[in-house]
Amino acid sequence: FMIQKEVAEKFDYNSKKLNKYKFMTAISSKYDRVFLISRNVFYPKPKVTSEIVKFTFNNHILDWKKINNFVKTVFLNKRKKLASKLDFLNKNKLVLFGNKRIEELNSKELLEIYNFF
């Protein structure tokens, strides 16, 4: 796909800060940023830089209702700690993540929490 460079960065789950787009991309596909396309190759010249990206979707069936519910719950108030959002954390092995905020987690840790949701 060819998309705007800034949007391509939002989908890239290998970069630092996590957001709902990165999580949804990580759970549903393998994502690669292939190359940039200069705005000079278009006429009329756009105000944004484009990027070619590749999504290779996983073959397993996903419960999108569960994913949307999890994303709404976890990403609603990013500054709150996870323990205040998710009641089940104190009952599982994931107590370590309870004192963290969503922006302090990486995609693997978030996927681990999702599996208990």
PDB file of N, CA and C in Angstrom:
ATOM      1  N   PHE A   1       0.832  -1.173   0.000  1.00  0.00           N
ATOM      2  CA  PHE A   1       0.000   0.000   0.000  1.00  0.00           C
ATOM      3  C   PHE A   1       0.878   1.238   0.000  1.00  0.00           C
ATOM      4  N   MET A   2       0.386   2.292  -0.578  1.00  0.00           N
ATOM      5  CA  MET A   2       1.053   3.578  -0.474  1.00  0.00           C
ATOM      6  C   MET A   2       0.215   4.449   0.454  1.00  0.00           C
ATOM      7  N   ILE A   3       0.831   4.869   1.552  1.00  0.00           N
ATOM      8  CA  ILE A   3       0.147   5.706   2.527  1.00  0.00           C
ATOM      9  C   ILE A   3       1.049   6.861   2.929  1.00  0.00           C
ATOM     10  N   GLN A   4       0.479   7.808   3.637  1.00  0.00           N
ATOM     11  CA  GLN A   4       1.246   8.966   4.112  1.00  0.00           C
ATOM     12  C   GLN A   4       2.310   8.499   5.117  1.00  0.00           C
ATOM     13  N   LYS A   5       3.476   9.094   5.070  1.00  0.00           N
ATOM     14  CA  LYS A   5       4.609   8.689   5.903  1.00  0.00           C
ATOM     15  C   LYS A   5       4.248   8.698   7.393  1.00  0.00           C
ATOM     16  N   GLU A   6       3.544   9.720   7.844  1.00  0.00           N
ATOM     17  CA  GLU A   6       3.171   9.827   9.262  1.00  0.00           C
ATOM     18  C   GLU A   6       2.238   8.691   9.679  1.00  0.00           C
ATOM     19  N   VAL A   7       1.370   8.268   8.786  1.00  0.00           N
ATOM     20  CA  VAL A   7       0.475   7.146   9.081  1.00  0.00           C
ATOM     21  C   VAL A   7       1.275   5.846   9.123  1.00  0.00           C
ATOM     22  N   ALA A   8       2.226   5.711   8.231  1.00  0.00           N
ATOM     23  CA  ALA A   8       3.096   4.533   8.229  1.00  0.00           C
ATOM     24  C   ALA A   8       3.846   4.404   9.552  1.00  0.00           C
ATOM     25  N   GLU A   9       4.254   5.519  10.122  1.00  0.00           N
ATOM     26  CA  GLU A   9       4.937   5.510  11.415  1.00  0.00           C
ATOM     27  C   GLU A   9       3.995   5.082  12.532  1.00  0.00           C
ATOM     28  N   LYS A  10       2.717   5.457  12.450  1.00  0.00           N
ATOM     29  CA  LYS A  10       1.744   5.066  13.473  1.00  0.00           C
ATOM     30  C   LYS A  10       1.507   3.563  13.496  1.00  0.00           C
ATOM     31  N   PHE A  11       1.606   2.900  12.345  1.00  0.00           N
ATOM     32  CA  PHE A  11       1.394   1.455  12.261  1.00  0.00           C
ATOM     33  C   PHE A  11       2.626   0.649  12.651  1.00  0.00           C
ATOM     34  N   ASP A  12       3.788   1.245  12.687  1.00  0.00           N
ATOM     35  CA  ASP A  12       5.045   0.520  12.898  1.00  0.00           C
ATOM     36  C   ASP A  12       5.210   0.114  14.365  1.00  0.00           C
ATOM     37  N   TYR A  13       4.914  -1.143  14.692  1.00  0.00           N
ATOM     38  CA  TYR A  13       4.978  -1.621  16.076  1.00  0.00           C
ATOM     39  C   TYR A  13       6.404  -1.838  16.564  1.00  0.00           C
ATOM     40  N   ASN A  14       7.395  -1.667  15.704  1.00  0.00           N
ATOM     41  CA  ASN A  14       8.795  -1.797  16.131  1.00  0.00           C
ATOM     42  C   ASN A  14       9.353  -0.491  16.682  1.00  0.00           C
ATOM     43  N   SER A  15       8.641   0.610  16.518  1.00  0.00           N
ATOM     44  CA  SER A  15       9.119   1.888  17.047  1.00  0.00           C
ATOM     45  C   SER A  15       8.716   2.027  18.515  1.00  0.00           C
ATOM     46  N   LYS A  16       9.196   3.068  19.168  1.00  0.00           N
ATOM     47  CA  LYS A  16       9.114   3.203  20.621  1.00  0.00           C
ATOM     48  C   LYS A  16       7.694   3.217  21.200  1.00  0.00           C
ATOM     49  N   LYS A  17       7.022   4.338  21.106  1.00  0.00           N
ATOM     50  CA  LYS A  17       5.737   4.504  21.795  1.00  0.00           C
ATOM     51  C   LYS A  17       4.634   3.652  21.178  1.00  0.00           C
ATOM     52  N   LEU A  18       3.875   3.041  22.050  1.00  0.00           N
ATOM     53  CA  LEU A  18       2.781   2.185  21.603  1.00  0.00           C
ATOM     54  C   LEU A  18       1.503   3.003  21.425  1.00  0.00           C
ATOM     55  N   ASN A  19       0.714   2.668  20.432  1.00  0.00           N
ATOM     56  CA  ASN A  19      -0.614   3.240  20.275  1.00  0.00           C
ATOM     57  C   ASN A  19      -1.545   2.130  19.801  1.00  0.00           C
ATOM     58  N   LYS A  20      -2.832   2.431  19.698  1.00  0.00           N
ATOM     59  CA  LYS A  20      -3.788   1.380  19.346  1.00  0.00           C
ATOM     60  C   LYS A  20      -3.565   0.838  17.943  1.00  0.00           C
ATOM     61  N   TYR A  21      -3.077   1.671  17.032  1.00  0.00           N
ATOM     62  CA  TYR A  21      -2.829   1.213  15.663  1.00  0.00           C
ATOM     63  C   TYR A  21      -1.675   0.211  15.624  1.00  0.00           C
ATOM     64  N   LYS A  22      -0.635   0.482  16.382  1.00  0.00           N
ATOM     65  CA  LYS A  22       0.509  -0.432  16.437  1.00  0.00           C
ATOM     66  C   LYS A  22       0.093  -1.770  17.030  1.00  0.00           C
ATOM     67  N   PHE A  23      -0.724  -1.722  18.084  1.00  0.00           N
ATOM     68  CA  PHE A  23      -1.178  -2.963  18.710  1.00  0.00           C
ATOM     69  C   PHE A  23      -2.022  -3.782  17.739  1.00  0.00           C
ATOM     70  N   MET A  24      -2.951  -3.144  17.061  1.00  0.00           N
ATOM     71  CA  MET A  24      -3.831  -3.862  16.133  1.00  0.00           C
ATOM     72  C   MET A  24      -3.047  -4.425  14.948  1.00  0.00           C
ATOM     73  N   THR A  25      -2.031  -3.703  14.513  1.00  0.00           N
ATOM     74  CA  THR A  25      -1.174  -4.209  13.437  1.00  0.00           C
ATOM     75  C   THR A  25      -0.355  -5.400  13.926  1.00  0.00           C
ATOM     76  N   ALA A  26       0.185  -5.303  15.137  1.00  0.00           N
ATOM     77  CA  ALA A  26       1.007  -6.386  15.684  1.00  0.00           C
ATOM     78  C   ALA A  26       0.208  -7.670  15.877  1.00  0.00           C
ATOM     79  N   ILE A  27      -1.050  -7.543  16.263  1.00  0.00           N
ATOM     80  CA  ILE A  27      -1.853  -8.734  16.538  1.00  0.00           C
ATOM     81  C   ILE A  27      -2.392  -9.372  15.260  1.00  0.00           C
ATOM     82  N   SER A  28      -2.527  -8.596  14.185  1.00  0.00           N
ATOM     83  CA  SER A  28      -3.179  -9.130  12.992  1.00  0.00           C
ATOM     84  C   SER A  28      -2.245  -9.395  11.816  1.00  0.00           C
ATOM     85  N   SER A  29      -1.028  -8.837  11.847  1.00  0.00           N
ATOM     86  CA  SER A  29      -0.187  -8.973  10.658  1.00  0.00           C
ATOM     87  C   SER A  29       1.286  -8.747  10.962  1.00  0.00           C
ATOM     88  N   LYS A  30       2.086  -9.016   9.952  1.00  0.00           N
ATOM     89  CA  LYS A  30       3.501  -8.633   9.949  1.00  0.00           C
ATOM     90  C   LYS A  30       3.562  -7.369   9.103  1.00  0.00           C
ATOM     91  N   TYR A  31       4.257  -6.369   9.571  1.00  0.00           N
ATOM     92  CA  TYR A  31       4.247  -5.055   8.928  1.00  0.00           C
ATOM     93  C   TYR A  31       5.661  -4.656   8.558  1.00  0.00           C
ATOM     94  N   ASP A  32       5.855  -4.229   7.316  1.00  0.00           N
ATOM     95  CA  ASP A  32       7.159  -3.760   6.850  1.00  0.00           C
ATOM     96  C   ASP A  32       7.001  -2.422   6.151  1.00  0.00           C
ATOM     97  N   ARG A  33       7.899  -1.501   6.474  1.00  0.00           N
ATOM     98  CA  ARG A  33       7.976  -0.232   5.757  1.00  0.00           C
ATOM     99  C   ARG A  33       9.005  -0.428   4.657  1.00  0.00           C
ATOM    100  N   VAL A  34       8.584  -0.352   3.406  1.00  0.00           N
ATOM    101  CA  VAL A  34       9.433  -0.733   2.293  1.00  0.00           C
ATOM    102  C   VAL A  34      10.319   0.426   1.842  1.00  0.00           C
ATOM    103  N   PHE A  35       9.719   1.538   1.378  1.00  0.00           N
ATOM    104  CA  PHE A  35      10.526   2.694   0.979  1.00  0.00           C
ATOM    105  C   PHE A  35       9.669   3.952   0.904  1.00  0.00           C
ATOM    106  N   LEU A  36      10.356   5.099   0.946  1.00  0.00           N
ATOM    107  CA  LEU A  36       9.702   6.414   0.842  1.00  0.00           C
ATOM    108  C   LEU A  36       9.531   6.802  -0.618  1.00  0.00           C
ATOM    109  N   ILE A  37       8.510   7.596  -0.879  1.00  0.00           N
ATOM    110  CA  ILE A  37       8.289   8.138  -2.214  1.00  0.00           C
ATOM    111  C   ILE A  37       8.286   9.661  -2.090  1.00  0.00           C
ATOM    112  N   SER A  38       9.156  10.292  -2.819  1.00  0.00           N
ATOM    113  CA  SER A  38       9.274  11.742  -2.771  1.00  0.00           C
ATOM    114  C   SER A  38       8.009  12.405  -3.311  1.00  0.00           C
ATOM    115  N   ARG A  39       7.677  13.535  -2.760  1.00  0.00           N
ATOM    116  CA  ARG A  39       6.514  14.291  -3.254  1.00  0.00           C
ATOM    117  C   ARG A  39       6.786  14.900  -4.624  1.00  0.00           C
ATOM    118  N   ASN A  40       8.065  14.934  -5.022  1.00  0.00           N
ATOM    119  CA  ASN A  40       8.437  15.528  -6.306  1.00  0.00           C
ATOM    120  C   ASN A  40       8.062  14.668  -7.516  1.00  0.00           C
ATOM    121  N   VAL A  41       7.688  13.413  -7.299  1.00  0.00           N
ATOM    122  CA  VAL A  41       7.337  12.549  -8.417  1.00  0.00           C
ATOM    123  C   VAL A  41       5.872  12.668  -8.818  1.00  0.00           C
ATOM    124  N   PHE A  42       5.113  13.485  -8.096  1.00  0.00           N
ATOM    125  CA  PHE A  42       3.690  13.669  -8.384  1.00  0.00           C
ATOM    126  C   PHE A  42       3.425  15.057  -8.944  1.00  0.00           C
ATOM    127  N   TYR A  43       2.394  15.139  -9.762  1.00  0.00           N
ATOM    128  CA  TYR A  43       1.949  16.440 -10.235  1.00  0.00           C
ATOM    129  C   TYR A  43       0.436  16.487 -10.126  1.00  0.00           C
ATOM    130  N   PRO A  44      -0.132  17.441  -9.458  1.00  0.00           N
ATOM    131  CA  PRO A  44       0.537  18.484  -8.696  1.00  0.00           C
ATOM    132  C   PRO A  44       1.216  17.912  -7.449  1.00  0.00           C
ATOM    133  N   LYS A  45       2.231  18.597  -6.992  1.00  0.00           N
ATOM    134  CA  LYS A  45       3.049  18.136  -5.882  1.00  0.00           C
ATOM    135  C   LYS A  45       2.237  18.180  -4.579  1.00  0.00           C
ATOM    136  N   PRO A  46       2.082  17.036  -3.883  1.00  0.00           N
ATOM    137  CA  PRO A  46       1.362  17.033  -2.601  1.00  0.00           C
ATOM    138  C   PRO A  46       2.194  17.673  -1.494  1.00  0.00           C
ATOM    139  N   LYS A  47       1.551  17.945  -0.381  1.00  0.00           N
ATOM    140  CA  LYS A  47       2.249  18.551   0.751  1.00  0.00           C
ATOM    141  C   LYS A  47       2.837  17.513   1.693  1.00  0.00           C
ATOM    142  N   VAL A  48       2.604  16.236   1.414  1.00  0.00           N
ATOM    143  CA  VAL A  48       3.077  15.163   2.294  1.00  0.00           C
ATOM    144  C   VAL A  48       3.971  14.192   1.536  1.00  0.00           C
ATOM    145  N   THR A  49       4.805  13.482   2.290  1.00  0.00           N
ATOM    146  CA  THR A  49       5.641  12.427   1.729  1.00  0.00           C
ATOM    147  C   THR A  49       4.881  11.105   1.867  1.00  0.00           C
ATOM    148  N   SER A  50       4.970  10.267   0.875  1.00  0.00           N
ATOM    149  CA  SER A  50       4.299   8.968   0.904  1.00  0.00           C
ATOM    150  C   SER A  50       5.303   7.862   1.200  1.00  0.00           C
ATOM    151  N   GLU A  51       4.770   6.725   1.588  1.00  0.00           N
ATOM    152  CA  GLU A  51       5.627   5.579   1.873  1.00  0.00           C
ATOM    153  C   GLU A  51       4.909   4.305   1.430  1.00  0.00           C
ATOM    154  N   ILE A  52       5.669   3.380   0.881  1.00  0.00           N
ATOM    155  CA  ILE A  52       5.141   2.075   0.521  1.00  0.00           C
ATOM    156  C   ILE A  52       5.312   1.163   1.729  1.00  0.00           C
ATOM    157  N   VAL A  53       4.221   0.509   2.141  1.00  0.00           N
ATOM    158  CA  VAL A  53       4.246  -0.410   3.279  1.00  0.00           C
ATOM    159  C   VAL A  53       3.668  -1.746   2.845  1.00  0.00           C
ATOM    160  N   LYS A  54       4.025  -2.790   3.573  1.00  0.00           N
ATOM    161  CA  LYS A  54       3.551  -4.131   3.250  1.00  0.00           C
ATOM    162  C   LYS A  54       2.952  -4.765   4.499  1.00  0.00           C
ATOM    163  N   PHE A  55       1.710  -5.214   4.380  1.00  0.00           N
ATOM    164  CA  PHE A  55       1.041  -5.958   5.434  1.00  0.00           C
ATOM    165  C   PHE A  55       0.955  -7.419   4.992  1.00  0.00           C
ATOM    166  N   THR A  56       1.450  -8.328   5.808  1.00  0.00           N
ATOM    167  CA  THR A  56       1.279  -9.750   5.561  1.00  0.00           C
ATOM    168  C   THR A  56       0.394 -10.271   6.683  1.00  0.00           C
ATOM    169  N   PHE A  57      -0.873 -10.478   6.367  1.00  0.00           N
ATOM    170  CA  PHE A  57      -1.846 -10.826   7.396  1.00  0.00           C
ATOM    171  C   PHE A  57      -1.676 -12.260   7.872  1.00  0.00           C
ATOM    172  N   ASN A  58      -1.906 -12.454   9.181  1.00  0.00           N
ATOM    173  CA  ASN A  58      -1.836 -13.780   9.788  1.00  0.00           C
ATOM    174  C   ASN A  58      -2.992 -14.633   9.287  1.00  0.00           C
ATOM    175  N   ASN A  59      -2.815 -15.932   9.316  1.00  0.00           N
ATOM    176  CA  ASN A  59      -3.839 -16.848   8.826  1.00  0.00           C
ATOM    177  C   ASN A  59      -4.865 -17.237   9.878  1.00  0.00           C
ATOM    178  N   HIS A  60      -4.686 -16.814  11.116  1.00  0.00           N
ATOM    179  CA  HIS A  60      -5.639 -17.221  12.142  1.00  0.00           C
ATOM    180  C   HIS A  60      -6.803 -16.224  12.246  1.00  0.00           C
ATOM    181  N   ILE A  61      -7.922 -16.732  12.713  1.00  0.00           N
ATOM    182  CA  ILE A  61      -9.135 -15.924  12.846  1.00  0.00           C
ATOM    183  C   ILE A  61      -9.051 -15.120  14.139  1.00  0.00           C
ATOM    184  N   LEU A  62      -9.368 -13.833  14.055  1.00  0.00           N
ATOM    185  CA  LEU A  62      -9.296 -12.939  15.209  1.00  0.00           C
ATOM    186  C   LEU A  62     -10.684 -12.544  15.675  1.00  0.00           C
ATOM    187  N   ASP A  63     -10.813 -12.363  16.967  1.00  0.00           N
ATOM    188  CA  ASP A  63     -12.058 -11.876  17.550  1.00  0.00           C
ATOM    189  C   ASP A  63     -11.970 -10.351  17.630  1.00  0.00           C
ATOM    190  N   TRP A  64     -12.433  -9.666  16.577  1.00  0.00           N
ATOM    191  CA  TRP A  64     -12.282  -8.212  16.496  1.00  0.00           C
ATOM    192  C   TRP A  64     -13.105  -7.491  17.552  1.00  0.00           C
ATOM    193  N   LYS A  65     -14.178  -8.098  18.016  1.00  0.00           N
ATOM    194  CA  LYS A  65     -14.980  -7.486  19.086  1.00  0.00           C
ATOM    195  C   LYS A  65     -14.145  -7.416  20.376  1.00  0.00           C
ATOM    196  N   LYS A  66     -13.450  -8.520  20.671  1.00  0.00           N
ATOM    197  CA  LYS A  66     -12.577  -8.573  21.849  1.00  0.00           C
ATOM    198  C   LYS A  66     -11.413  -7.586  21.706  1.00  0.00           C
ATOM    199  N   ILE A  67     -10.823  -7.532  20.516  1.00  0.00           N
ATOM    200  CA  ILE A  67      -9.701  -6.617  20.280  1.00  0.00           C
ATOM    201  C   ILE A  67     -10.137  -5.173  20.454  1.00  0.00           C
ATOM    202  N   ASN A  68     -11.268  -4.796  19.867  1.00  0.00           N
ATOM    203  CA  ASN A  68     -11.768  -3.419  20.008  1.00  0.00           C
ATOM    204  C   ASN A  68     -12.080  -3.079  21.450  1.00  0.00           C
ATOM    205  N   ASN A  69     -12.668  -4.009  22.183  1.00  0.00           N
ATOM    206  CA  ASN A  69     -12.975  -3.776  23.591  1.00  0.00           C
ATOM    207  C   ASN A  69     -11.692  -3.581  24.400  1.00  0.00           C
ATOM    208  N   PHE A  70     -10.690  -4.412  24.131  1.00  0.00           N
ATOM    209  CA  PHE A  70      -9.401  -4.291  24.824  1.00  0.00           C
ATOM    210  C   PHE A  70      -8.732  -2.952  24.512  1.00  0.00           C
ATOM    211  N   VAL A  71      -8.718  -2.573  23.239  1.00  0.00           N
ATOM    212  CA  VAL A  71      -8.082  -1.317  22.817  1.00  0.00           C
ATOM    213  C   VAL A  71      -8.771  -0.123  23.476  1.00  0.00           C
ATOM    214  N   LYS A  72     -10.095  -0.131  23.510  1.00  0.00           N
ATOM    215  CA  LYS A  72     -10.834   0.967  24.150  1.00  0.00           C
ATOM    216  C   LYS A  72     -10.514   1.048  25.636  1.00  0.00           C
ATOM    217  N   THR A  73     -10.430  -0.097  26.281  1.00  0.00           N
ATOM    218  CA  THR A  73     -10.152  -0.128  27.715  1.00  0.00           C
ATOM    219  C   THR A  73      -8.741   0.350  28.032  1.00  0.00           C
ATOM    220  N   VAL A  74      -7.773  -0.160  27.316  1.00  0.00           N
ATOM    221  CA  VAL A  74      -6.369   0.094  27.650  1.00  0.00           C
ATOM    222  C   VAL A  74      -5.891   1.471  27.195  1.00  0.00           C
ATOM    223  N   PHE A  75      -6.326   1.917  26.032  1.00  0.00           N
ATOM    224  CA  PHE A  75      -5.806   3.162  25.478  1.00  0.00           C
ATOM    225  C   PHE A  75      -6.655   4.384  25.796  1.00  0.00           C
ATOM    226  N   LEU A  76      -7.752   4.220  26.551  1.00  0.00           N
ATOM    227  CA  LEU A  76      -8.639   5.338  26.836  1.00  0.00           C
ATOM    228  C   LEU A  76      -7.940   6.458  27.602  1.00  0.00           C
ATOM    229  N   ASN A  77      -7.401   6.157  28.750  1.00  0.00           N
ATOM    230  CA  ASN A  77      -6.665   7.148  29.552  1.00  0.00           C
ATOM    231  C   ASN A  77      -5.229   6.667  29.672  1.00  0.00           C
ATOM    232  N   LYS A  78      -4.397   7.129  28.756  1.00  0.00           N
ATOM    233  CA  LYS A  78      -3.023   6.620  28.679  1.00  0.00           C
ATOM    234  C   LYS A  78      -2.200   6.900  29.931  1.00  0.00           C
ATOM    235  N   ARG A  79      -2.498   7.942  30.643  1.00  0.00           N
ATOM    236  CA  ARG A  79      -1.700   8.311  31.811  1.00  0.00           C
ATOM    237  C   ARG A  79      -2.047   7.486  33.048  1.00  0.00           C
ATOM    238  N   LYS A  80      -3.183   6.805  33.035  1.00  0.00           N
ATOM    239  CA  LYS A  80      -3.548   5.964  34.172  1.00  0.00           C
ATOM    240  C   LYS A  80      -2.739   4.678  34.144  1.00  0.00           C
ATOM    241  N   LYS A  81      -2.493   4.136  35.332  1.00  0.00           N
ATOM    242  CA  LYS A  81      -1.785   2.860  35.413  1.00  0.00           C
ATOM    243  C   LYS A  81      -2.737   1.729  35.035  1.00  0.00           C
ATOM    244  N   LEU A  82      -2.168   0.675  34.502  1.00  0.00           N
ATOM    245  CA  LEU A  82      -2.975  -0.447  34.023  1.00  0.00           C
ATOM    246  C   LEU A  82      -3.792  -1.111  35.124  1.00  0.00           C
ATOM    247  N   ALA A  83      -3.274  -1.133  36.341  1.00  0.00           N
ATOM    248  CA  ALA A  83      -3.987  -1.784  37.442  1.00  0.00           C
ATOM    249  C   ALA A  83      -5.340  -1.121  37.690  1.00  0.00           C
ATOM    250  N   SER A  84      -5.438   0.180  37.460  1.00  0.00           N
ATOM    251  CA  SER A  84      -6.711   0.862  37.678  1.00  0.00           C
ATOM    252  C   SER A  84      -7.698   0.619  36.535  1.00  0.00           C
ATOM    253  N   LYS A  85      -7.216   0.168  35.390  1.00  0.00           N
ATOM    254  CA  LYS A  85      -8.081  -0.088  34.234  1.00  0.00           C
ATOM    255  C   LYS A  85      -8.533  -1.532  34.146  1.00  0.00           C
ATOM    256  N   LEU A  86      -7.655  -2.436  34.524  1.00  0.00           N
ATOM    257  CA  LEU A  86      -7.915  -3.866  34.330  1.00  0.00           C
ATOM    258  C   LEU A  86      -7.969  -4.577  35.682  1.00  0.00           C
ATOM    259  N   ASP A  87      -9.144  -5.013  36.062  1.00  0.00           N
ATOM    260  CA  ASP A  87      -9.343  -5.646  37.370  1.00  0.00           C
ATOM    261  C   ASP A  87      -8.617  -6.966  37.520  1.00  0.00           C
ATOM    262  N   PHE A  88      -8.461  -7.700  36.428  1.00  0.00           N
ATOM    263  CA  PHE A  88      -7.918  -9.049  36.496  1.00  0.00           C
ATOM    264  C   PHE A  88      -6.412  -9.091  36.715  1.00  0.00           C
ATOM    265  N   LEU A  89      -5.712  -7.971  36.627  1.00  0.00           N
ATOM    266  CA  LEU A  89      -4.246  -7.995  36.727  1.00  0.00           C
ATOM    267  C   LEU A  89      -3.752  -8.530  38.067  1.00  0.00           C
ATOM    268  N   ASN A  90      -4.442  -8.195  39.156  1.00  0.00           N
ATOM    269  CA  ASN A  90      -3.992  -8.631  40.469  1.00  0.00           C
ATOM    270  C   ASN A  90      -4.150 -10.135  40.664  1.00  0.00           C
ATOM    271  N   LYS A  91      -4.980 -10.774  39.852  1.00  0.00           N
ATOM    272  CA  LYS A  91      -5.252 -12.195  40.005  1.00  0.00           C
ATOM    273  C   LYS A  91      -4.321 -13.073  39.173  1.00  0.00           C
ATOM    274  N   ASN A  92      -3.544 -12.490  38.293  1.00  0.00           N
ATOM    275  CA  ASN A  92      -2.714 -13.257  37.364  1.00  0.00           C
ATOM    276  C   ASN A  92      -1.230 -13.010  37.585  1.00  0.00           C
ATOM    277  N   LYS A  93      -0.428 -13.611  36.727  1.00  0.00           N
ATOM    278  CA  LYS A  93       1.020 -13.420  36.756  1.00  0.00           C
ATOM    279  C   LYS A  93       1.406 -12.009  36.328  1.00  0.00           C
ATOM    280  N   LEU A  94       0.463 -11.270  35.794  1.00  0.00           N
ATOM    281  CA  LEU A  94       0.767  -9.976  35.200  1.00  0.00           C
ATOM    282  C   LEU A  94       0.814  -8.826  36.199  1.00  0.00           C
ATOM    283  N   VAL A  95       0.977  -9.133  37.470  1.00  0.00           N
ATOM    284  CA  VAL A  95       1.057  -8.098  38.497  1.00  0.00           C
ATOM    285  C   VAL A  95       2.197  -7.133  38.197  1.00  0.00           C
ATOM    286  N   LEU A  96       3.244  -7.614  37.557  1.00  0.00           N
ATOM    287  CA  LEU A  96       4.386  -6.772  37.208  1.00  0.00           C
ATOM    288  C   LEU A  96       3.983  -5.601  36.319  1.00  0.00           C
ATOM    289  N   PHE A  97       2.983  -5.817  35.469  1.00  0.00           N
ATOM    290  CA  PHE A  97       2.561  -4.779  34.537  1.00  0.00           C
ATOM    291  C   PHE A  97       1.560  -3.806  35.152  1.00  0.00           C
ATOM    292  N   GLY A  98       0.984  -4.140  36.287  1.00  0.00           N
ATOM    293  CA  GLY A  98      -0.056  -3.318  36.898  1.00  0.00           C
ATOM    294  C   GLY A  98       0.378  -1.922  37.275  1.00  0.00           C
ATOM    295  N   ASN A  99       1.631  -1.761  37.644  1.00  0.00           N
ATOM    296  CA  ASN A  99       2.122  -0.447  38.050  1.00  0.00           C
ATOM    297  C   ASN A  99       2.679   0.366  36.887  1.00  0.00           C
ATOM    298  N   LYS A 100       2.492  -0.118  35.675  1.00  0.00           N
ATOM    299  CA  LYS A 100       2.990   0.593  34.496  1.00  0.00           C
ATOM    300  C   LYS A 100       1.852   1.288  33.769  1.00  0.00           C
ATOM    301  N   ARG A 101       2.219   2.289  33.008  1.00  0.00           N
ATOM    302  CA  ARG A 101       1.286   2.944  32.101  1.00  0.00           C
ATOM    303  C   ARG A 101       1.441   2.313  30.727  1.00  0.00           C
ATOM    304  N   ILE A 102       0.445   2.492  29.888  1.00  0.00           N
ATOM    305  CA  ILE A 102       0.443   1.870  28.572  1.00  0.00           C
ATOM    306  C   ILE A 102       1.664   2.278  27.748  1.00  0.00           C
ATOM    307  N   GLU A 103       2.111   3.516  27.898  1.00  0.00           N
ATOM    308  CA  GLU A 103       3.252   3.998  27.118  1.00  0.00           C
ATOM    309  C   GLU A 103       4.581   3.425  27.591  1.00  0.00           C
ATOM    310  N   GLU A 104       4.585   2.738  28.731  1.00  0.00           N
ATOM    311  CA  GLU A 104       5.806   2.132  29.253  1.00  0.00           C
ATOM    312  C   GLU A 104       5.968   0.667  28.812  1.00  0.00           C
ATOM    313  N   LEU A 105       4.983   0.141  28.086  1.00  0.00           N
ATOM    314  CA  LEU A 105       5.020  -1.247  27.643  1.00  0.00           C
ATOM    315  C   LEU A 105       5.502  -1.344  26.206  1.00  0.00           C
ATOM    316  N   ASN A 106       6.033  -2.505  25.848  1.00  0.00           N
ATOM    317  CA  ASN A 106       6.314  -2.770  24.443  1.00  0.00           C
ATOM    318  C   ASN A 106       5.198  -3.651  23.887  1.00  0.00           C
ATOM    319  N   SER A 107       5.219  -3.921  22.610  1.00  0.00           N
ATOM    320  CA  SER A 107       4.121  -4.656  21.980  1.00  0.00           C
ATOM    321  C   SER A 107       4.016  -6.095  22.495  1.00  0.00           C
ATOM    322  N   LYS A 108       5.140  -6.734  22.821  1.00  0.00           N
ATOM    323  CA  LYS A 108       5.101  -8.107  23.335  1.00  0.00           C
ATOM    324  C   LYS A 108       4.414  -8.157  24.703  1.00  0.00           C
ATOM    325  N   GLU A 109       4.727  -7.196  25.565  1.00  0.00           N
ATOM    326  CA  GLU A 109       4.096  -7.152  26.884  1.00  0.00           C
ATOM    327  C   GLU A 109       2.597  -6.906  26.761  1.00  0.00           C
ATOM    328  N   LEU A 110       2.213  -6.023  25.851  1.00  0.00           N
ATOM    329  CA  LEU A 110       0.793  -5.736  25.652  1.00  0.00           C
ATOM    330  C   LEU A 110       0.051  -6.951  25.100  1.00  0.00           C
ATOM    331  N   LEU A 111       0.688  -7.694  24.206  1.00  0.00           N
ATOM    332  CA  LEU A 111       0.077  -8.915  23.690  1.00  0.00           C
ATOM    333  C   LEU A 111      -0.103  -9.951  24.799  1.00  0.00           C
ATOM    334  N   GLU A 112       0.840 -10.001  25.717  1.00  0.00           N
ATOM    335  CA  GLU A 112       0.730 -10.918  26.858  1.00  0.00           C
ATOM    336  C   GLU A 112      -0.457 -10.548  27.734  1.00  0.00           C
ATOM    337  N   ILE A 113      -0.657  -9.259  27.963  1.00  0.00           N
ATOM    338  CA  ILE A 113      -1.806  -8.795  28.749  1.00  0.00           C
ATOM    339  C   ILE A 113      -3.105  -9.094  28.002  1.00  0.00           C
ATOM    340  N   TYR A 114      -3.102  -8.887  26.701  1.00  0.00           N
ATOM    341  CA  TYR A 114      -4.290  -9.145  25.876  1.00  0.00           C
ATOM    342  C   TYR A 114      -4.738 -10.612  25.990  1.00  0.00           C
ATOM    343  N   ASN A 115      -3.791 -11.528  26.056  1.00  0.00           N
ATOM    344  CA  ASN A 115      -4.131 -12.947  26.163  1.00  0.00           C
ATOM    345  C   ASN A 115      -4.892 -13.277  27.434  1.00  0.00           C
ATOM    346  N   PHE A 116      -4.787 -12.441  28.474  1.00  0.00           N
ATOM    347  CA  PHE A 116      -5.529 -12.649  29.716  1.00  0.00           C
ATOM    348  C   PHE A 116      -6.834 -11.872  29.764  1.00  0.00           C
ATOM    349  N   PHE A 117      -7.096 -11.070  28.764  1.00  0.00           N
ATOM    350  CA  PHE A 117      -8.257 -10.173  28.757  1.00  0.00           C
ATOM    351  C   PHE A 117      -9.538 -10.951  28.524  1.00  0.00           C
TER     352      PHE A 117
END
